[in-house]
N, C-alpha and C. Protein backbone atom coordinates (compact mmCIF):
# COMPACT_ATOMS: atom_id res chain seq x y z
N MET A 1 -6.43 -19.66 15.41
CA MET A 1 -6.54 -20.33 14.19
C MET A 1 -6.85 -21.80 14.41
N ARG A 2 -7.76 -22.34 13.55
CA ARG A 2 -8.13 -23.66 13.75
C ARG A 2 -6.96 -24.64 13.44
N ARG A 3 -6.81 -25.63 14.35
CA ARG A 3 -5.72 -26.58 14.16
C ARG A 3 -6.38 -27.74 13.42
N ARG A 4 -5.71 -28.36 12.51
CA ARG A 4 -6.36 -29.41 11.68
C ARG A 4 -5.53 -30.73 11.75
N LEU A 5 -6.11 -31.66 11.22
CA LEU A 5 -5.52 -33.02 11.08
C LEU A 5 -4.28 -32.97 10.24
N LEU A 6 -3.18 -33.50 10.77
CA LEU A 6 -1.93 -33.55 10.01
C LEU A 6 -1.63 -35.05 9.68
N ILE A 7 -1.39 -35.22 8.37
CA ILE A 7 -1.05 -36.71 8.00
C ILE A 7 0.11 -36.70 7.06
N GLN A 8 1.05 -37.58 7.33
CA GLN A 8 2.16 -37.77 6.41
C GLN A 8 1.94 -39.12 5.76
N VAL A 9 1.79 -39.15 4.41
CA VAL A 9 1.56 -40.38 3.75
C VAL A 9 2.64 -40.73 2.76
N MET A 10 3.01 -42.02 2.70
CA MET A 10 4.01 -42.53 1.72
C MET A 10 3.34 -43.79 1.15
N ALA A 11 3.31 -43.86 -0.10
CA ALA A 11 2.75 -45.03 -0.80
C ALA A 11 3.72 -46.24 -0.66
N VAL A 12 3.18 -47.37 -0.32
CA VAL A 12 3.97 -48.63 -0.32
C VAL A 12 3.81 -49.30 -1.65
N ALA A 13 4.92 -49.67 -2.23
CA ALA A 13 4.87 -50.22 -3.58
C ALA A 13 4.00 -51.45 -3.66
N ALA A 14 3.12 -51.44 -4.68
CA ALA A 14 2.31 -52.53 -5.11
C ALA A 14 1.23 -52.87 -4.08
N LEU A 15 1.02 -52.03 -3.11
CA LEU A 15 -0.04 -52.23 -2.15
C LEU A 15 -1.03 -51.05 -2.09
N PRO A 16 -2.34 -51.22 -1.92
CA PRO A 16 -3.28 -50.13 -1.80
C PRO A 16 -3.23 -49.64 -0.33
N LEU A 17 -2.12 -49.50 0.26
CA LEU A 17 -1.90 -49.10 1.62
C LEU A 17 -0.96 -47.94 1.77
N PHE A 18 -1.25 -47.11 2.60
CA PHE A 18 -0.34 -45.95 2.82
C PHE A 18 0.14 -45.94 4.21
N VAL A 19 1.46 -45.74 4.44
CA VAL A 19 2.04 -45.85 5.78
C VAL A 19 2.57 -44.43 6.11
N ALA A 20 2.24 -44.00 7.35
CA ALA A 20 2.69 -42.67 7.76
C ALA A 20 2.40 -42.38 9.23
N PRO A 21 3.23 -41.58 9.84
CA PRO A 21 2.85 -41.04 11.17
C PRO A 21 1.90 -39.95 10.94
N ALA A 22 1.02 -39.76 11.88
CA ALA A 22 -0.09 -38.69 11.74
C ALA A 22 -0.20 -38.01 13.09
N PHE A 23 -0.75 -36.79 12.94
CA PHE A 23 -1.04 -35.98 14.07
C PHE A 23 -2.47 -35.45 13.94
N ALA A 24 -3.37 -35.75 14.81
CA ALA A 24 -4.67 -35.28 14.76
C ALA A 24 -4.93 -34.22 15.79
N ALA A 25 -5.37 -33.06 15.39
CA ALA A 25 -5.58 -31.99 16.34
C ALA A 25 -7.06 -31.62 16.46
N GLY A 26 -7.47 -31.34 17.64
CA GLY A 26 -8.78 -30.96 17.87
C GLY A 26 -9.01 -29.53 17.46
N GLU A 27 -10.19 -29.02 17.52
CA GLU A 27 -10.46 -27.61 17.28
C GLU A 27 -9.73 -26.78 18.21
N GLY A 28 -9.17 -25.59 17.77
CA GLY A 28 -8.49 -24.65 18.69
C GLY A 28 -9.44 -24.20 19.73
N GLY A 29 -8.99 -24.31 20.97
CA GLY A 29 -9.81 -23.83 22.08
C GLY A 29 -10.95 -24.69 22.55
N SER A 30 -11.04 -25.88 21.97
CA SER A 30 -12.18 -26.74 22.29
C SER A 30 -11.92 -27.66 23.46
N GLY A 31 -10.65 -27.64 23.92
CA GLY A 31 -10.29 -28.42 25.08
C GLY A 31 -9.76 -29.80 24.69
N GLN A 32 -9.88 -30.14 23.38
CA GLN A 32 -9.42 -31.46 22.91
C GLN A 32 -7.94 -31.43 22.88
N THR A 33 -7.28 -32.58 23.04
CA THR A 33 -5.87 -32.62 23.00
C THR A 33 -5.36 -33.17 21.72
N THR A 34 -4.15 -33.05 21.41
CA THR A 34 -3.59 -33.53 20.11
C THR A 34 -3.30 -35.06 20.32
N THR A 35 -3.61 -35.81 19.36
CA THR A 35 -3.42 -37.23 19.36
C THR A 35 -2.30 -37.56 18.35
N THR A 36 -1.29 -38.30 18.81
CA THR A 36 -0.18 -38.70 18.01
C THR A 36 -0.28 -40.14 17.67
N CYS A 37 -0.38 -40.48 16.39
CA CYS A 37 -0.49 -41.89 16.03
C CYS A 37 0.94 -42.46 15.76
N LYS A 38 1.11 -43.72 16.08
CA LYS A 38 2.43 -44.38 15.76
C LYS A 38 2.62 -44.43 14.33
N LYS A 39 3.86 -44.75 13.94
CA LYS A 39 4.27 -44.91 12.57
C LYS A 39 3.42 -45.95 11.97
N GLY A 40 2.93 -45.62 10.71
CA GLY A 40 2.15 -46.55 9.99
C GLY A 40 0.63 -46.41 10.21
N GLU A 41 0.22 -45.42 11.07
CA GLU A 41 -1.19 -45.21 11.34
C GLU A 41 -1.49 -43.70 11.08
N VAL A 42 -2.81 -43.48 10.87
CA VAL A 42 -3.31 -42.17 10.77
C VAL A 42 -4.51 -41.96 11.67
N TRP A 43 -4.89 -40.80 11.94
CA TRP A 43 -6.10 -40.51 12.76
C TRP A 43 -7.31 -40.67 11.92
N ASP A 44 -8.30 -41.44 12.32
CA ASP A 44 -9.56 -41.55 11.67
C ASP A 44 -10.58 -40.76 12.49
N LYS A 45 -11.08 -39.64 11.87
CA LYS A 45 -12.04 -38.79 12.53
C LYS A 45 -13.26 -39.49 12.90
N LYS A 46 -13.76 -40.33 12.03
CA LYS A 46 -15.01 -41.01 12.32
C LYS A 46 -14.87 -42.05 13.41
N LYS A 47 -13.85 -42.83 13.43
CA LYS A 47 -13.67 -43.82 14.42
C LYS A 47 -13.05 -43.27 15.70
N LYS A 48 -12.47 -42.04 15.59
CA LYS A 48 -11.86 -41.41 16.76
C LYS A 48 -10.70 -42.23 17.30
N LYS A 49 -9.94 -42.81 16.43
CA LYS A 49 -8.74 -43.57 16.80
C LYS A 49 -7.73 -43.66 15.70
N CYS A 50 -6.50 -44.03 16.06
CA CYS A 50 -5.52 -44.29 15.06
C CYS A 50 -5.76 -45.62 14.37
N VAL A 51 -5.60 -45.64 12.99
CA VAL A 51 -5.87 -46.83 12.26
C VAL A 51 -4.77 -46.89 11.18
N VAL A 52 -4.67 -48.14 10.61
CA VAL A 52 -3.70 -48.38 9.46
C VAL A 52 -4.54 -47.85 8.28
N PRO A 53 -4.01 -46.86 7.57
CA PRO A 53 -4.81 -46.32 6.38
C PRO A 53 -4.85 -47.27 5.25
N GLN A 54 -5.91 -47.20 4.53
CA GLN A 54 -6.07 -47.94 3.29
C GLN A 54 -6.52 -46.93 2.23
N TYR A 55 -6.11 -47.25 0.93
CA TYR A 55 -6.46 -46.32 -0.12
C TYR A 55 -7.94 -46.09 -0.16
N GLY A 56 -8.29 -44.82 -0.30
CA GLY A 56 -9.72 -44.43 -0.39
C GLY A 56 -10.44 -44.25 0.93
N MET A 57 -9.72 -44.39 2.03
CA MET A 57 -10.46 -44.24 3.31
C MET A 57 -10.62 -42.81 3.76
N LEU A 58 -9.85 -41.93 3.29
CA LEU A 58 -9.95 -40.53 3.70
C LEU A 58 -10.79 -39.74 2.75
N ASP A 59 -11.67 -38.85 3.29
CA ASP A 59 -12.47 -38.06 2.40
C ASP A 59 -11.66 -36.83 1.99
N ASP A 60 -12.14 -36.18 0.92
CA ASP A 60 -11.36 -35.07 0.29
C ASP A 60 -11.18 -33.86 1.36
N ASP A 61 -12.21 -33.69 2.15
CA ASP A 61 -11.93 -32.60 3.13
C ASP A 61 -10.84 -32.93 4.10
N SER A 62 -10.68 -34.13 4.51
CA SER A 62 -9.59 -34.51 5.39
C SER A 62 -8.29 -34.40 4.66
N ILE A 63 -8.33 -34.83 3.42
CA ILE A 63 -7.12 -34.80 2.55
C ILE A 63 -6.68 -33.30 2.36
N TYR A 64 -7.64 -32.47 2.08
CA TYR A 64 -7.31 -31.03 1.96
C TYR A 64 -6.74 -30.48 3.25
N GLU A 65 -7.37 -30.73 4.37
CA GLU A 65 -6.90 -30.19 5.61
C GLU A 65 -5.49 -30.67 5.99
N ALA A 66 -5.24 -31.97 5.72
CA ALA A 66 -3.91 -32.52 6.03
C ALA A 66 -2.88 -31.93 5.05
N GLY A 67 -3.22 -31.87 3.78
CA GLY A 67 -2.31 -31.26 2.79
C GLY A 67 -2.01 -29.80 3.06
N HIS A 68 -3.06 -29.05 3.37
CA HIS A 68 -2.88 -27.65 3.81
C HIS A 68 -1.96 -27.45 5.01
N ASP A 69 -2.15 -28.26 6.03
CA ASP A 69 -1.32 -28.15 7.23
C ASP A 69 0.13 -28.62 6.97
N LEU A 70 0.30 -29.60 6.14
CA LEU A 70 1.67 -30.02 5.79
C LEU A 70 2.32 -28.93 5.06
N ALA A 71 1.63 -28.39 4.07
CA ALA A 71 2.22 -27.23 3.25
C ALA A 71 2.56 -26.04 4.15
N MET A 72 1.67 -25.72 5.04
CA MET A 72 1.94 -24.59 5.95
C MET A 72 3.11 -24.86 6.86
N ALA A 73 3.38 -26.13 7.14
CA ALA A 73 4.45 -26.53 8.01
C ALA A 73 5.83 -26.62 7.24
N GLY A 74 5.76 -26.37 5.97
CA GLY A 74 6.97 -26.42 5.16
C GLY A 74 7.29 -27.88 4.74
N ARG A 75 6.40 -28.79 4.72
CA ARG A 75 6.58 -30.16 4.47
C ARG A 75 5.94 -30.41 3.13
N TYR A 76 6.47 -29.77 2.08
CA TYR A 76 5.86 -29.69 0.76
C TYR A 76 5.74 -31.01 0.05
N ASP A 77 6.74 -31.78 0.04
CA ASP A 77 6.67 -33.08 -0.72
C ASP A 77 5.67 -34.01 -0.02
N GLU A 78 5.56 -33.90 1.27
CA GLU A 78 4.50 -34.73 1.94
C GLU A 78 3.13 -34.11 1.66
N ALA A 79 3.00 -32.83 1.59
CA ALA A 79 1.70 -32.19 1.17
C ALA A 79 1.31 -32.71 -0.17
N ILE A 80 2.18 -32.71 -1.14
CA ILE A 80 1.91 -33.19 -2.44
C ILE A 80 1.39 -34.63 -2.46
N SER A 81 2.11 -35.48 -1.67
CA SER A 81 1.76 -36.89 -1.64
C SER A 81 0.33 -37.02 -1.07
N VAL A 82 -0.05 -36.27 -0.04
CA VAL A 82 -1.34 -36.36 0.51
C VAL A 82 -2.43 -35.76 -0.44
N LEU A 83 -2.15 -34.57 -0.98
CA LEU A 83 -3.15 -33.89 -1.88
C LEU A 83 -3.43 -34.68 -3.09
N THR A 84 -2.49 -35.49 -3.58
CA THR A 84 -2.77 -36.17 -4.85
C THR A 84 -3.66 -37.40 -4.59
N LEU A 85 -4.00 -37.69 -3.36
CA LEU A 85 -4.94 -38.75 -2.97
C LEU A 85 -6.39 -38.35 -3.17
N ALA A 86 -6.66 -37.05 -3.33
CA ALA A 86 -8.00 -36.61 -3.43
C ALA A 86 -8.82 -37.33 -4.58
N ALA A 87 -9.94 -37.63 -4.33
CA ALA A 87 -10.82 -38.17 -5.38
C ALA A 87 -11.22 -37.17 -6.40
N ASN A 88 -11.51 -35.94 -5.95
CA ASN A 88 -11.91 -34.85 -6.84
C ASN A 88 -10.61 -34.14 -7.31
N LYS A 89 -10.11 -34.41 -8.36
CA LYS A 89 -8.90 -33.77 -8.88
C LYS A 89 -9.15 -32.38 -9.39
N GLN A 90 -10.44 -31.89 -9.34
CA GLN A 90 -10.76 -30.58 -9.87
C GLN A 90 -11.14 -29.69 -8.70
N ASP A 91 -10.88 -30.08 -7.51
CA ASP A 91 -11.20 -29.31 -6.32
C ASP A 91 -10.19 -28.04 -6.25
N PRO A 92 -10.70 -26.87 -6.44
CA PRO A 92 -9.74 -25.70 -6.47
C PRO A 92 -8.85 -25.55 -5.19
N ARG A 93 -9.39 -26.04 -3.99
CA ARG A 93 -8.63 -25.97 -2.88
C ARG A 93 -7.39 -26.96 -2.98
N ILE A 94 -7.61 -28.12 -3.44
CA ILE A 94 -6.56 -29.12 -3.64
C ILE A 94 -5.55 -28.57 -4.68
N LEU A 95 -6.03 -28.08 -5.76
CA LEU A 95 -5.18 -27.48 -6.85
C LEU A 95 -4.34 -26.40 -6.25
N ASN A 96 -4.94 -25.57 -5.50
CA ASN A 96 -4.20 -24.37 -4.88
C ASN A 96 -3.06 -24.85 -4.05
N TYR A 97 -3.23 -25.83 -3.16
CA TYR A 97 -2.14 -26.26 -2.34
C TYR A 97 -1.12 -27.15 -3.02
N LEU A 98 -1.57 -27.75 -4.06
CA LEU A 98 -0.61 -28.45 -4.91
C LEU A 98 0.29 -27.51 -5.58
N GLY A 99 -0.34 -26.38 -6.09
CA GLY A 99 0.54 -25.31 -6.67
C GLY A 99 1.40 -24.67 -5.65
N TYR A 100 0.91 -24.43 -4.44
CA TYR A 100 1.72 -23.76 -3.37
C TYR A 100 2.91 -24.74 -2.99
N SER A 101 2.66 -26.00 -2.91
CA SER A 101 3.62 -26.94 -2.43
C SER A 101 4.78 -27.06 -3.51
N HIS A 102 4.29 -27.16 -4.76
CA HIS A 102 5.33 -27.30 -5.87
C HIS A 102 6.12 -26.05 -5.91
N ARG A 103 5.45 -24.86 -5.87
CA ARG A 103 6.12 -23.57 -5.97
C ARG A 103 7.23 -23.42 -4.85
N HIS A 104 6.83 -23.83 -3.70
CA HIS A 104 7.79 -23.70 -2.47
C HIS A 104 8.83 -24.76 -2.58
N SER A 105 8.63 -25.81 -3.35
CA SER A 105 9.71 -26.80 -3.55
C SER A 105 10.64 -26.50 -4.62
N GLY A 106 10.41 -25.33 -5.32
CA GLY A 106 11.29 -24.85 -6.36
C GLY A 106 10.71 -25.22 -7.72
N ARG A 107 9.63 -25.80 -7.80
CA ARG A 107 8.99 -26.17 -9.09
C ARG A 107 7.90 -25.09 -9.42
N VAL A 108 8.39 -23.86 -9.72
CA VAL A 108 7.43 -22.79 -9.84
C VAL A 108 6.56 -22.98 -11.11
N THR A 109 7.10 -23.40 -12.11
CA THR A 109 6.31 -23.63 -13.34
C THR A 109 5.18 -24.64 -13.15
N VAL A 110 5.42 -25.67 -12.43
CA VAL A 110 4.39 -26.72 -12.09
C VAL A 110 3.37 -26.04 -11.25
N GLY A 111 3.80 -25.29 -10.19
CA GLY A 111 2.86 -24.59 -9.36
C GLY A 111 2.00 -23.59 -10.18
N LEU A 112 2.50 -22.88 -11.10
CA LEU A 112 1.82 -21.98 -12.00
C LEU A 112 0.59 -22.73 -12.65
N GLY A 113 0.94 -23.91 -13.18
CA GLY A 113 -0.05 -24.78 -13.84
C GLY A 113 -1.30 -25.07 -12.86
N TYR A 114 -0.93 -25.51 -11.66
CA TYR A 114 -2.03 -25.78 -10.72
C TYR A 114 -2.84 -24.59 -10.39
N TYR A 115 -2.19 -23.48 -10.15
CA TYR A 115 -2.93 -22.17 -9.92
C TYR A 115 -3.85 -21.83 -11.04
N GLU A 116 -3.33 -21.97 -12.24
CA GLU A 116 -4.17 -21.59 -13.41
C GLU A 116 -5.40 -22.53 -13.56
N GLU A 117 -5.19 -23.82 -13.29
CA GLU A 117 -6.23 -24.66 -13.33
C GLU A 117 -7.32 -24.37 -12.27
N ALA A 118 -6.90 -24.05 -11.07
CA ALA A 118 -7.81 -23.73 -9.97
C ALA A 118 -8.59 -22.51 -10.36
N LEU A 119 -7.97 -21.52 -10.99
CA LEU A 119 -8.65 -20.29 -11.36
C LEU A 119 -9.58 -20.52 -12.61
N ARG A 120 -9.25 -21.50 -13.42
CA ARG A 120 -10.20 -21.86 -14.54
C ARG A 120 -11.51 -22.32 -13.95
N ILE A 121 -11.40 -23.12 -12.84
CA ILE A 121 -12.60 -23.68 -12.19
C ILE A 121 -13.30 -22.64 -11.37
N ASP A 122 -12.53 -21.84 -10.64
CA ASP A 122 -13.12 -20.72 -9.78
C ASP A 122 -12.35 -19.44 -9.89
N PRO A 123 -12.72 -18.61 -10.84
CA PRO A 123 -11.94 -17.36 -11.08
C PRO A 123 -12.03 -16.42 -9.90
N ASN A 124 -12.91 -16.59 -8.92
CA ASN A 124 -13.10 -15.66 -7.82
C ASN A 124 -12.35 -16.16 -6.57
N TYR A 125 -11.54 -17.18 -6.74
CA TYR A 125 -10.75 -17.77 -5.56
C TYR A 125 -9.51 -16.82 -5.39
N THR A 126 -9.66 -15.86 -4.53
CA THR A 126 -8.62 -14.88 -4.36
C THR A 126 -7.34 -15.37 -3.73
N LEU A 127 -7.44 -16.37 -2.87
CA LEU A 127 -6.22 -16.88 -2.29
C LEU A 127 -5.27 -17.51 -3.41
N VAL A 128 -5.90 -18.12 -4.37
CA VAL A 128 -5.13 -18.64 -5.49
C VAL A 128 -4.49 -17.46 -6.27
N ARG A 129 -5.25 -16.40 -6.40
CA ARG A 129 -4.67 -15.19 -7.09
C ARG A 129 -3.50 -14.63 -6.27
N GLU A 130 -3.63 -14.60 -5.00
CA GLU A 130 -2.50 -14.13 -4.14
C GLU A 130 -1.27 -14.96 -4.38
N TYR A 131 -1.40 -16.32 -4.31
CA TYR A 131 -0.26 -17.17 -4.49
C TYR A 131 0.26 -17.13 -5.83
N LEU A 132 -0.67 -16.98 -6.86
CA LEU A 132 -0.23 -16.91 -8.27
C LEU A 132 0.65 -15.64 -8.38
N GLY A 133 0.17 -14.52 -7.82
CA GLY A 133 0.95 -13.24 -7.90
C GLY A 133 2.32 -13.44 -7.33
N GLU A 134 2.38 -14.14 -6.15
CA GLU A 134 3.69 -14.40 -5.55
C GLU A 134 4.60 -15.32 -6.50
N ALA A 135 3.98 -16.23 -7.11
CA ALA A 135 4.79 -17.08 -8.06
C ALA A 135 5.25 -16.28 -9.21
N HIS A 136 4.48 -15.31 -9.73
CA HIS A 136 4.97 -14.40 -10.78
C HIS A 136 6.13 -13.59 -10.26
N LEU A 137 6.06 -13.15 -8.99
CA LEU A 137 7.26 -12.43 -8.45
C LEU A 137 8.52 -13.34 -8.41
N GLN A 138 8.25 -14.55 -8.06
CA GLN A 138 9.39 -15.52 -7.97
C GLN A 138 10.19 -15.63 -9.32
N ILE A 139 9.41 -15.48 -10.44
CA ILE A 139 10.09 -15.66 -11.68
C ILE A 139 10.35 -14.24 -12.37
N GLY A 140 10.23 -13.23 -11.54
CA GLY A 140 10.49 -11.89 -11.96
C GLY A 140 9.46 -11.22 -12.80
N ASP A 141 8.23 -11.68 -12.83
CA ASP A 141 7.20 -11.17 -13.62
C ASP A 141 6.35 -10.21 -12.74
N LEU A 142 6.81 -9.00 -12.69
CA LEU A 142 6.08 -7.95 -11.90
C LEU A 142 4.72 -7.72 -12.50
N ALA A 143 4.61 -7.59 -13.84
CA ALA A 143 3.31 -7.29 -14.49
C ALA A 143 2.30 -8.39 -14.11
N GLY A 144 2.70 -9.63 -14.16
CA GLY A 144 1.84 -10.76 -13.82
C GLY A 144 1.34 -10.66 -12.38
N ALA A 145 2.19 -10.28 -11.51
CA ALA A 145 1.75 -10.11 -10.08
C ALA A 145 0.79 -8.98 -10.02
N GLN A 146 1.10 -7.92 -10.61
CA GLN A 146 0.21 -6.70 -10.59
C GLN A 146 -1.11 -7.00 -11.16
N GLU A 147 -1.22 -7.79 -12.20
CA GLU A 147 -2.50 -8.20 -12.71
C GLU A 147 -3.33 -8.96 -11.73
N GLN A 148 -2.63 -9.92 -10.97
CA GLN A 148 -3.38 -10.67 -10.04
C GLN A 148 -3.86 -9.73 -8.78
N LEU A 149 -3.06 -8.73 -8.50
CA LEU A 149 -3.45 -7.81 -7.50
C LEU A 149 -4.67 -7.01 -7.92
N GLN A 150 -4.75 -6.60 -9.17
CA GLN A 150 -5.90 -5.91 -9.79
C GLN A 150 -7.10 -6.84 -9.73
N GLN A 151 -6.92 -8.10 -10.06
CA GLN A 151 -8.02 -9.03 -10.00
C GLN A 151 -8.57 -9.21 -8.59
N ILE A 152 -7.75 -9.28 -7.63
CA ILE A 152 -8.10 -9.39 -6.21
C ILE A 152 -8.95 -8.14 -5.84
N GLU A 153 -8.39 -6.99 -6.19
CA GLU A 153 -9.09 -5.73 -5.82
C GLU A 153 -10.48 -5.68 -6.45
N LYS A 154 -10.55 -6.14 -7.70
CA LYS A 154 -11.86 -6.09 -8.41
C LYS A 154 -12.85 -7.06 -7.69
N ARG A 155 -12.39 -8.14 -7.08
CA ARG A 155 -13.31 -9.11 -6.42
C ARG A 155 -13.56 -8.79 -4.96
N THR A 156 -12.60 -8.30 -4.27
CA THR A 156 -12.73 -8.15 -2.82
C THR A 156 -12.40 -6.75 -2.31
N GLY A 157 -11.79 -5.84 -3.12
CA GLY A 157 -11.38 -4.59 -2.70
C GLY A 157 -9.98 -4.55 -2.06
N LYS A 158 -9.55 -3.47 -1.69
CA LYS A 158 -8.24 -3.35 -1.07
C LYS A 158 -8.11 -3.77 0.38
N GLY A 159 -9.26 -3.98 1.03
CA GLY A 159 -9.23 -4.32 2.41
C GLY A 159 -9.00 -5.77 2.73
N SER A 160 -9.02 -6.60 1.70
CA SER A 160 -8.96 -8.10 1.94
C SER A 160 -7.51 -8.47 2.34
N ARG A 161 -7.46 -9.58 3.06
CA ARG A 161 -6.13 -10.15 3.45
C ARG A 161 -5.32 -10.56 2.26
N GLU A 162 -5.93 -11.04 1.19
CA GLU A 162 -5.13 -11.49 0.05
C GLU A 162 -4.57 -10.23 -0.74
N TYR A 163 -5.34 -9.22 -0.74
CA TYR A 163 -4.90 -7.94 -1.40
C TYR A 163 -3.65 -7.41 -0.60
N GLY A 164 -3.82 -7.34 0.69
CA GLY A 164 -2.74 -6.79 1.58
C GLY A 164 -1.50 -7.59 1.46
N MET A 165 -1.59 -8.93 1.46
CA MET A 165 -0.47 -9.81 1.38
C MET A 165 0.32 -9.62 0.04
N LEU A 166 -0.40 -9.68 -0.99
CA LEU A 166 0.21 -9.61 -2.31
C LEU A 166 0.73 -8.26 -2.57
N SER A 167 0.05 -7.25 -2.11
CA SER A 167 0.52 -5.79 -2.23
C SER A 167 1.88 -5.65 -1.48
N GLU A 168 1.95 -6.24 -0.30
CA GLU A 168 3.19 -6.20 0.45
C GLU A 168 4.30 -6.91 -0.24
N GLN A 169 4.04 -8.10 -0.85
CA GLN A 169 5.04 -8.79 -1.58
C GLN A 169 5.49 -7.97 -2.80
N ILE A 170 4.66 -7.36 -3.49
CA ILE A 170 5.01 -6.52 -4.63
C ILE A 170 5.82 -5.32 -4.17
N ASP A 171 5.44 -4.65 -3.06
CA ASP A 171 6.33 -3.60 -2.48
C ASP A 171 7.70 -4.06 -2.16
N HIS A 172 7.79 -5.21 -1.58
CA HIS A 172 9.09 -5.79 -1.18
C HIS A 172 9.87 -6.05 -2.43
N PHE A 173 9.25 -6.61 -3.45
CA PHE A 173 9.89 -6.90 -4.69
C PHE A 173 10.52 -5.61 -5.37
N LEU A 174 9.66 -4.55 -5.32
CA LEU A 174 10.13 -3.28 -5.91
C LEU A 174 11.31 -2.65 -5.18
N ARG A 175 11.32 -2.88 -3.78
CA ARG A 175 12.37 -2.40 -3.04
C ARG A 175 13.70 -3.08 -3.18
N SER A 176 13.57 -4.35 -3.55
CA SER A 176 14.87 -5.17 -3.61
C SER A 176 15.53 -5.10 -5.02
């Protein structure tokens, strides 16, 4: 699996500056090593060095990658802080991981809103549908989860990763 740039960002009051430790990872298997920046710096891919971040210096792809990695590491509030920096507030990838992070932080209803917005923009984004189905299970809505499973099947068939993951979660829900 590709290792991505990890960034932890905290806003400093009244300044257009963000302070955070960061971890930059090279591509998996490329021979690059992981770079650890000291507190208050982030890895700048273009400059290939640690820098003090300033508002607007990170592109949305870097923000997405960092937010995704923070979310997958269980650092949900940090992921939310990073993802909200995106210039394109309508990027379905950003909305998906905002939903994911809020849902895993216990704010399921907020997460549902982000998922629905992502699907409004891209109804074929099946990863959002998988996560939305899981959110429905979290609130006890089996029918909502099954609807998302049907939508995934309609778009990718039963062989997709998203179909398999949500199907497994529904089976687990039914057994418990």
